[in-house]
Amino acid sequence: MADDLHTRYMRATDIWNAHRAGCATCQDGTRCEAGAPLFERFARLQDAYLRRST
């Protein structure tokens, strides 16, 4: 399960970073309509991964 969580976390990171790189709105700390759910998924998975890693 931990490997699956890590895989999902890394994938969400890649997707969020790719979106943010091409979105002027998401580069300044705010979230566009499309970027908000991507960031939320990334943040949720990051939190879950960090909780399991400690």
Protein backbone atom coordinates (compact mmCIF):
# COMPACT_ATOMS: atom_id res chain seq x y z
CA MET A 1 0.00 0.00 0.00
CA ALA A 2 2.78 2.46 0.83
CA ASP A 3 4.30 1.97 -2.62
CA ASP A 4 0.93 2.71 -4.21
CA LEU A 5 0.60 5.86 -2.09
CA HIS A 6 4.09 6.98 -3.09
CA THR A 7 3.33 6.34 -6.76
CA ARG A 8 0.09 8.32 -6.59
CA TYR A 9 1.82 11.14 -4.70
CA MET A 10 4.64 11.38 -7.25
CA ARG A 11 2.17 11.29 -10.15
CA ALA A 12 0.08 14.06 -8.57
CA THR A 13 3.27 16.07 -8.06
CA ASP A 14 4.20 15.69 -11.73
CA ILE A 15 0.71 16.66 -12.91
CA TRP A 16 0.54 19.69 -10.62
CA ASN A 17 4.04 20.87 -11.59
CA ALA A 18 3.28 20.49 -15.30
CA HIS A 19 0.07 22.48 -14.96
CA ARG A 20 1.68 25.19 -12.83
CA ALA A 21 4.56 25.59 -15.29
CA GLY A 22 2.13 26.58 -18.04
CA CYS A 23 -0.44 28.51 -16.01
CA ALA A 24 0.27 32.13 -15.14
CA THR A 25 -2.50 32.18 -12.52
CA CYS A 26 -1.15 29.19 -10.60
CA GLN A 27 2.40 30.54 -10.62
CA ASP A 28 1.60 33.39 -8.24
CA GLY A 29 0.17 31.32 -5.39
CA THR A 30 -3.46 31.43 -6.44
CA ARG A 31 -5.24 28.59 -8.21
CA CYS A 32 -7.15 28.68 -11.46
CA GLU A 33 -10.32 26.63 -11.90
CA ALA A 34 -8.43 23.77 -13.52
CA GLY A 35 -5.44 23.98 -11.18
CA ALA A 36 -7.30 24.01 -7.87
CA PRO A 37 -8.30 20.32 -7.92
CA LEU A 38 -4.83 19.33 -9.12
CA PHE A 39 -3.23 21.18 -6.24
CA GLU A 40 -5.74 19.76 -3.75
CA ARG A 41 -4.98 16.21 -4.88
CA PHE A 42 -1.23 16.84 -4.68
CA ALA A 43 -1.54 18.38 -1.19
CA ARG A 44 -3.83 15.61 0.10
CA LEU A 45 -1.51 12.86 -1.14
CA GLN A 46 1.56 14.68 0.16
CA ASP A 47 0.00 14.94 3.61
CA ALA A 48 -0.96 11.25 3.59
CA TYR A 49 2.50 10.21 2.43
CA LEU A 50 4.26 12.33 5.05
CA ARG A 51 2.01 10.99 7.82
CA ARG A 52 2.89 7.40 6.85
CA SER A 53 6.59 8.16 6.57
CA THR A 54 6.90 9.32 10.18
